[in-house]
Amino acid sequence: MRHGKKFNHLGRTASHRAALLSNMASSLILHKRIQTTVAKAKELRKYVEPLITKSKTDSTNNRRVVFSYLQNKDAIKELFSIVSEKVANRPGGYTRIIKLGNRLGDNAEICFIELVDFNETMLAASAEKAGKTRRSRRGGAAKATEAAAPVAAAEVPSAEVVEEAPAAEVVAEEVAPAAEEAAPEAPVTEESTEEKGEDA
């Protein structure tokens, strides 16, 4: 029974599986991309990514630990010199699996597994996509400024009206004294003040 054993045994004994993953990891580091089945690629990803993380710190102990897994001096040299420099700023996710369909002989799912930072075409495509995103944001900002421009234009005439308003007040003030002169003031009597007091 295999209760609680979640990883894929790949139909091999432990020693055979360790040798398989070690060999595939060395090939991936040396060639940057290999073709294999999806099941093996998923297991290889779990196997090789911690080793790549170890390679970021170049110490004797880390080299010995990684060598105990890979058993390949050329792969160690490549990993600690070239690969570690490329992945220095990446916080994980060093590999990518690209599915290719099914194999003719046994209909197994096959795929490429590759190191992300070494696929120049995908890096160029992602840079272009990032550029387009920036342009669209600028376009959105331009639309916002265009939308703001009519509002500003609408505000300008109202400012002109405000400037004209004092002139209208001056005209009203000139008319008001003339009206006061025309209508003589009514004499204030005691009766009128009493009436006002009762109203209050």
C-alpha atoms as a PDB file:
ATOM      1  CA  MET A   1       0.000   0.000   0.000  1.00  0.00           C
ATOM      2  CA  ARG A   2       1.150   3.560  -0.676  1.00  0.00           C
ATOM      3  CA  HIS A   3      -0.832   5.587   1.839  1.00  0.00           C
ATOM      4  CA  GLY A   4       0.407   9.168   2.122  1.00  0.00           C
ATOM      5  CA  LYS A   5       3.137   8.711  -0.497  1.00  0.00           C
ATOM      6  CA  LYS A   6       2.357  11.656  -2.729  1.00  0.00           C
ATOM      7  CA  PHE A   7       5.356  11.882  -5.053  1.00  0.00           C
ATOM      8  CA  ASN A   8       5.540   9.982  -8.328  1.00  0.00           C
ATOM      9  CA  HIS A   9       7.756   6.889  -8.098  1.00  0.00           C
ATOM     10  CA  LEU A  10       8.034   6.803 -11.914  1.00  0.00           C
ATOM     11  CA  GLY A  11       7.886   2.983 -11.855  1.00  0.00           C
ATOM     12  CA  ARG A  12      11.434   2.740 -10.489  1.00  0.00           C
ATOM     13  CA  THR A  13      13.243   1.770  -7.324  1.00  0.00           C
ATOM     14  CA  ALA A  14      14.632   4.557  -5.143  1.00  0.00           C
ATOM     15  CA  SER A  15      18.199   4.166  -6.415  1.00  0.00           C
ATOM     16  CA  HIS A  16      17.085   4.023 -10.065  1.00  0.00           C
ATOM     17  CA  ARG A  17      14.886   7.113  -9.562  1.00  0.00           C
ATOM     18  CA  ALA A  18      17.739   9.039  -7.899  1.00  0.00           C
ATOM     19  CA  ALA A  19      20.101   8.172 -10.763  1.00  0.00           C
ATOM     20  CA  LEU A  20      17.492   9.164 -13.358  1.00  0.00           C
ATOM     21  CA  LEU A  21      16.791  12.564 -11.760  1.00  0.00           C
ATOM     22  CA  SER A  22      20.488  13.261 -11.219  1.00  0.00           C
ATOM     23  CA  ASN A  23      21.257  12.533 -14.870  1.00  0.00           C
ATOM     24  CA  MET A  24      18.313  14.619 -16.129  1.00  0.00           C
ATOM     25  CA  ALA A  25      19.228  17.543 -13.854  1.00  0.00           C
ATOM     26  CA  SER A  26      22.810  17.526 -15.155  1.00  0.00           C
ATOM     27  CA  SER A  27      21.528  17.460 -18.743  1.00  0.00           C
ATOM     28  CA  LEU A  28      19.132  20.339 -18.046  1.00  0.00           C
ATOM     29  CA  ILE A  29      21.891  22.469 -16.525  1.00  0.00           C
ATOM     30  CA  LEU A  30      24.323  21.770 -19.374  1.00  0.00           C
ATOM     31  CA  HIS A  31      21.887  22.058 -22.298  1.00  0.00           C
ATOM     32  CA  LYS A  32      19.319  24.489 -20.765  1.00  0.00           C
ATOM     33  CA  ARG A  33      16.428  22.555 -22.351  1.00  0.00           C
ATOM     34  CA  ILE A  34      15.583  18.858 -22.591  1.00  0.00           C
ATOM     35  CA  GLN A  35      12.656  16.868 -23.952  1.00  0.00           C
ATOM     36  CA  THR A  36      11.046  14.268 -21.701  1.00  0.00           C
ATOM     37  CA  THR A  37       7.670  13.055 -20.444  1.00  0.00           C
ATOM     38  CA  VAL A  38       5.461  15.371 -18.386  1.00  0.00           C
ATOM     39  CA  ALA A  39       5.611  13.086 -15.318  1.00  0.00           C
ATOM     40  CA  LYS A  40       9.422  13.059 -15.328  1.00  0.00           C
ATOM     41  CA  ALA A  41       9.566  16.808 -15.956  1.00  0.00           C
ATOM     42  CA  LYS A  42       7.354  17.543 -12.932  1.00  0.00           C
ATOM     43  CA  GLU A  43       9.558  15.395 -10.703  1.00  0.00           C
ATOM     44  CA  LEU A  44      12.708  16.942 -12.175  1.00  0.00           C
ATOM     45  CA  ARG A  45      11.424  20.432 -11.413  1.00  0.00           C
ATOM     46  CA  LYS A  46      11.054  19.541  -7.712  1.00  0.00           C
ATOM     47  CA  TYR A  47      14.545  18.018  -7.787  1.00  0.00           C
ATOM     48  CA  VAL A  48      16.523  20.718  -9.613  1.00  0.00           C
ATOM     49  CA  GLU A  49      15.032  23.989  -8.353  1.00  0.00           C
ATOM     50  CA  PRO A  50      16.388  23.647  -4.785  1.00  0.00           C
ATOM     51  CA  LEU A  51      19.822  22.935  -6.296  1.00  0.00           C
ATOM     52  CA  ILE A  52      19.638  26.120  -8.380  1.00  0.00           C
ATOM     53  CA  THR A  53      18.678  28.084  -5.259  1.00  0.00           C
ATOM     54  CA  LYS A  54      21.735  26.638  -3.472  1.00  0.00           C
ATOM     55  CA  SER A  55      23.951  27.731  -6.359  1.00  0.00           C
ATOM     56  CA  LYS A  56      23.100  31.407  -5.737  1.00  0.00           C
ATOM     57  CA  THR A  57      25.477  31.354  -2.748  1.00  0.00           C
ATOM     58  CA  ASP A  58      28.827  30.124  -4.034  1.00  0.00           C
ATOM     59  CA  SER A  59      30.450  28.446  -1.045  1.00  0.00           C
ATOM     60  CA  THR A  60      32.449  25.243  -0.694  1.00  0.00           C
ATOM     61  CA  ASN A  61      29.706  23.651   1.366  1.00  0.00           C
ATOM     62  CA  ASN A  62      27.017  24.456  -1.203  1.00  0.00           C
ATOM     63  CA  ARG A  63      29.171  23.063  -3.993  1.00  0.00           C
ATOM     64  CA  ARG A  64      29.649  19.831  -2.048  1.00  0.00           C
ATOM     65  CA  VAL A  65      25.944  19.518  -1.267  1.00  0.00           C
ATOM     66  CA  VAL A  66      24.958  20.039  -4.920  1.00  0.00           C
ATOM     67  CA  PHE A  67      27.704  17.657  -6.088  1.00  0.00           C
ATOM     68  CA  SER A  68      26.283  14.946  -3.813  1.00  0.00           C
ATOM     69  CA  TYR A  69      23.082  15.156  -5.909  1.00  0.00           C
ATOM     70  CA  LEU A  70      24.462  15.692  -9.412  1.00  0.00           C
ATOM     71  CA  GLN A  71      27.776  13.762  -9.385  1.00  0.00           C
ATOM     72  CA  ASN A  72      28.923  15.730 -12.458  1.00  0.00           C
ATOM     73  CA  LYS A  73      31.775  18.244 -12.265  1.00  0.00           C
ATOM     74  CA  ASP A  74      30.911  19.930 -15.570  1.00  0.00           C
ATOM     75  CA  ALA A  75      27.327  20.502 -14.451  1.00  0.00           C
ATOM     76  CA  ILE A  76      28.541  21.935 -11.122  1.00  0.00           C
ATOM     77  CA  LYS A  77      30.893  24.334 -12.912  1.00  0.00           C
ATOM     78  CA  GLU A  78      28.137  25.478 -15.287  1.00  0.00           C
ATOM     79  CA  LEU A  79      25.600  25.816 -12.474  1.00  0.00           C
ATOM     80  CA  PHE A  80      27.756  27.886 -10.123  1.00  0.00           C
ATOM     81  CA  SER A  81      29.280  30.122 -12.802  1.00  0.00           C
ATOM     82  CA  ILE A  82      26.764  30.807 -15.609  1.00  0.00           C
ATOM     83  CA  VAL A  83      23.333  29.697 -14.377  1.00  0.00           C
ATOM     84  CA  SER A  84      23.626  31.252 -10.909  1.00  0.00           C
ATOM     85  CA  GLU A  85      24.450  34.664 -12.425  1.00  0.00           C
ATOM     86  CA  LYS A  86      21.393  34.563 -14.703  1.00  0.00           C
ATOM     87  CA  VAL A  87      18.962  33.594 -11.934  1.00  0.00           C
ATOM     88  CA  ALA A  88      20.447  35.849  -9.247  1.00  0.00           C
ATOM     89  CA  ASN A  89      17.420  38.203  -9.131  1.00  0.00           C
ATOM     90  CA  ARG A  90      14.736  35.542  -9.612  1.00  0.00           C
ATOM     91  CA  PRO A  91      13.055  34.395  -6.359  1.00  0.00           C
ATOM     92  CA  GLY A  92      12.218  30.862  -7.567  1.00  0.00           C
ATOM     93  CA  GLY A  93      10.455  29.378 -10.573  1.00  0.00           C
ATOM     94  CA  TYR A  94      13.629  28.744 -12.550  1.00  0.00           C
ATOM     95  CA  THR A  95      12.128  26.154 -14.922  1.00  0.00           C
ATOM     96  CA  ARG A  96       9.277  26.101 -17.417  1.00  0.00           C
ATOM     97  CA  ILE A  97       7.387  23.082 -18.789  1.00  0.00           C
ATOM     98  CA  ILE A  98       6.043  23.381 -22.357  1.00  0.00           C
ATOM     99  CA  LYS A  99       3.747  20.514 -23.382  1.00  0.00           C
ATOM    100  CA  LEU A 100       4.236  19.132 -26.880  1.00  0.00           C
ATOM    101  CA  GLY A 101       1.470  16.551 -27.242  1.00  0.00           C
ATOM    102  CA  ASN A 102       1.634  12.755 -27.151  1.00  0.00           C
ATOM    103  CA  ARG A 103       4.409  10.409 -28.239  1.00  0.00           C
ATOM    104  CA  LEU A 104       3.632   8.140 -31.185  1.00  0.00           C
ATOM    105  CA  GLY A 105       4.885   4.879 -29.697  1.00  0.00           C
ATOM    106  CA  ASP A 106       3.196   4.712 -26.297  1.00  0.00           C
ATOM    107  CA  ASN A 107       1.005   7.872 -26.365  1.00  0.00           C
ATOM    108  CA  ALA A 108       2.866   9.319 -23.378  1.00  0.00           C
ATOM    109  CA  GLU A 109       2.581  13.094 -22.847  1.00  0.00           C
ATOM    110  CA  ILE A 110       5.879  14.693 -23.824  1.00  0.00           C
ATOM    111  CA  CYS A 111       7.180  18.179 -23.111  1.00  0.00           C
ATOM    112  CA  PHE A 112      10.170  20.472 -23.023  1.00  0.00           C
ATOM    113  CA  ILE A 113      11.544  21.471 -19.646  1.00  0.00           C
ATOM    114  CA  GLU A 114      13.831  24.484 -19.846  1.00  0.00           C
ATOM    115  CA  LEU A 115      15.540  27.095 -17.718  1.00  0.00           C
ATOM    116  CA  VAL A 116      13.406  30.239 -17.910  1.00  0.00           C
ATOM    117  CA  ASP A 117      16.246  32.773 -18.127  1.00  0.00           C
ATOM    118  CA  PHE A 118      17.908  31.080 -21.104  1.00  0.00           C
ATOM    119  CA  ASN A 119      14.993  31.162 -23.574  1.00  0.00           C
ATOM    120  CA  GLU A 120      15.812  34.349 -25.489  1.00  0.00           C
ATOM    121  CA  THR A 121      12.684  34.319 -27.691  1.00  0.00           C
ATOM    122  CA  MET A 122      10.315  34.184 -24.724  1.00  0.00           C
ATOM    123  CA  LEU A 123      12.284  36.884 -22.914  1.00  0.00           C
ATOM    124  CA  ALA A 124      12.043  39.152 -25.972  1.00  0.00           C
ATOM    125  CA  ALA A 125       8.308  38.454 -26.309  1.00  0.00           C
ATOM    126  CA  SER A 126       7.687  39.249 -22.632  1.00  0.00           C
ATOM    127  CA  ALA A 127       9.648  42.509 -23.002  1.00  0.00           C
ATOM    128  CA  GLU A 128       7.457  43.497 -25.980  1.00  0.00           C
ATOM    129  CA  LYS A 129       4.304  42.635 -24.067  1.00  0.00           C
ATOM    130  CA  ALA A 130       5.477  44.748 -21.126  1.00  0.00           C
ATOM    131  CA  GLY A 131       6.104  47.620 -23.566  1.00  0.00           C
ATOM    132  CA  LYS A 132       2.574  47.363 -24.947  1.00  0.00           C
ATOM    133  CA  THR A 133       1.153  47.421 -21.451  1.00  0.00           C
ATOM    134  CA  ARG A 134       3.020  50.623 -20.693  1.00  0.00           C
ATOM    135  CA  ARG A 135       1.750  52.236 -23.887  1.00  0.00           C
ATOM    136  CA  SER A 136      -1.816  51.336 -23.020  1.00  0.00           C
ATOM    137  CA  ARG A 137      -1.411  52.939 -19.611  1.00  0.00           C
ATOM    138  CA  ARG A 138      -0.082  56.088 -21.208  1.00  0.00           C
ATOM    139  CA  GLY A 139      -3.006  55.989 -23.630  1.00  0.00           C
ATOM    140  CA  GLY A 140      -5.347  55.797 -20.648  1.00  0.00           C
ATOM    141  CA  ALA A 141      -3.632  58.799 -19.089  1.00  0.00           C
ATOM    142  CA  ALA A 142      -3.948  60.699 -22.376  1.00  0.00           C
ATOM    143  CA  LYS A 143      -7.656  59.895 -22.472  1.00  0.00           C
ATOM    144  CA  ALA A 144      -8.015  61.185 -18.927  1.00  0.00           C
ATOM    145  CA  THR A 145      -6.297  64.442 -19.864  1.00  0.00           C
ATOM    146  CA  GLU A 146      -8.486  64.748 -22.962  1.00  0.00           C
ATOM    147  CA  ALA A 147     -11.560  64.217 -20.796  1.00  0.00           C
ATOM    148  CA  ALA A 148     -10.293  66.854 -18.381  1.00  0.00           C
ATOM    149  CA  ALA A 149      -9.657  69.362 -21.209  1.00  0.00           C
ATOM    150  CA  PRO A 150     -13.353  69.861 -22.129  1.00  0.00           C
ATOM    151  CA  VAL A 151     -14.165  70.294 -18.447  1.00  0.00           C
ATOM    152  CA  ALA A 152     -11.487  72.970 -18.189  1.00  0.00           C
ATOM    153  CA  ALA A 153     -12.819  74.569 -21.377  1.00  0.00           C
ATOM    154  CA  ALA A 154     -16.309  74.570 -19.896  1.00  0.00           C
ATOM    155  CA  GLU A 155     -14.972  76.263 -16.772  1.00  0.00           C
ATOM    156  CA  VAL A 156     -13.286  79.070 -18.740  1.00  0.00           C
ATOM    157  CA  PRO A 157     -16.544  80.695 -19.984  1.00  0.00           C
ATOM    158  CA  SER A 158     -17.971  80.622 -16.457  1.00  0.00           C
ATOM    159  CA  ALA A 159     -14.900  82.560 -15.330  1.00  0.00           C
ATOM    160  CA  GLU A 160     -15.654  85.152 -18.019  1.00  0.00           C
ATOM    161  CA  VAL A 161     -19.219  85.414 -16.756  1.00  0.00           C
ATOM    162  CA  VAL A 162     -17.891  86.007 -13.245  1.00  0.00           C
ATOM    163  CA  GLU A 163     -15.748  88.819 -14.619  1.00  0.00           C
ATOM    164  CA  GLU A 164     -18.803  90.370 -16.298  1.00  0.00           C
ATOM    165  CA  ALA A 165     -20.882  90.129 -13.131  1.00  0.00           C
ATOM    166  CA  PRO A 166     -19.178  93.068 -11.328  1.00  0.00           C
ATOM    167  CA  ALA A 167     -20.000  95.294 -14.284  1.00  0.00           C
ATOM    168  CA  ALA A 168     -23.676  94.340 -13.933  1.00  0.00           C
ATOM    169  CA  GLU A 169     -23.525  95.181 -10.214  1.00  0.00           C
ATOM    170  CA  VAL A 170     -22.086  98.601 -11.039  1.00  0.00           C
ATOM    171  CA  VAL A 171     -24.958  99.227 -13.441  1.00  0.00           C
ATOM    172  CA  ALA A 172     -27.438  98.127 -10.752  1.00  0.00           C
ATOM    173  CA  GLU A 173     -25.818 100.456  -8.192  1.00  0.00           C
ATOM    174  CA  GLU A 174     -26.066 103.379 -10.626  1.00  0.00           C
ATOM    175  CA  VAL A 175     -29.750 102.682 -11.226  1.00  0.00           C
ATOM    176  CA  ALA A 176     -30.558 102.285  -7.505  1.00  0.00           C
ATOM    177  CA  PRO A 177     -29.561 105.860  -6.436  1.00  0.00           C
ATOM    178  CA  ALA A 178     -31.596 107.304  -9.281  1.00  0.00           C
ATOM    179  CA  ALA A 179     -34.652 105.378  -8.058  1.00  0.00           C
ATOM    180  CA  GLU A 180     -34.107 106.597  -4.513  1.00  0.00           C
ATOM    181  CA  GLU A 181     -33.902 110.191  -5.689  1.00  0.00           C
ATOM    182  CA  ALA A 182     -37.135 109.828  -7.652  1.00  0.00           C
ATOM    183  CA  ALA A 183     -39.105 108.390  -4.705  1.00  0.00           C
ATOM    184  CA  PRO A 184     -39.075 110.720  -1.671  1.00  0.00           C
ATOM    185  CA  GLU A 185     -38.788 109.066   1.701  1.00  0.00           C
ATOM    186  CA  ALA A 186     -42.018 108.699   3.718  1.00  0.00           C
ATOM    187  CA  PRO A 187     -41.937 110.604   7.030  1.00  0.00           C
ATOM    188  CA  VAL A 188     -41.544 108.344  10.008  1.00  0.00           C
ATOM    189  CA  THR A 189     -44.407 108.740  12.469  1.00  0.00           C
ATOM    190  CA  GLU A 190     -45.134 107.205  15.824  1.00  0.00           C
ATOM    191  CA  GLU A 191     -48.088 105.243  14.404  1.00  0.00           C
ATOM    192  CA  SER A 192     -45.918 103.532  11.827  1.00  0.00           C
ATOM    193  CA  THR A 193     -43.380 102.497  14.497  1.00  0.00           C
ATOM    194  CA  GLU A 194     -46.183 101.151  16.737  1.00  0.00           C
ATOM    195  CA  GLU A 195     -47.553  99.107  13.833  1.00  0.00           C
ATOM    196  CA  LYS A 196     -44.130  97.662  13.232  1.00  0.00           C
ATOM    197  CA  GLY A 197     -43.783  96.754  16.928  1.00  0.00           C
ATOM    198  CA  GLU A 198     -47.195  94.974  16.935  1.00  0.00           C
ATOM    199  CA  ASP A 199     -46.200  92.979  13.873  1.00  0.00           C
ATOM    200  CA  ALA A 200     -43.035  91.849  15.583  1.00  0.00           C
END
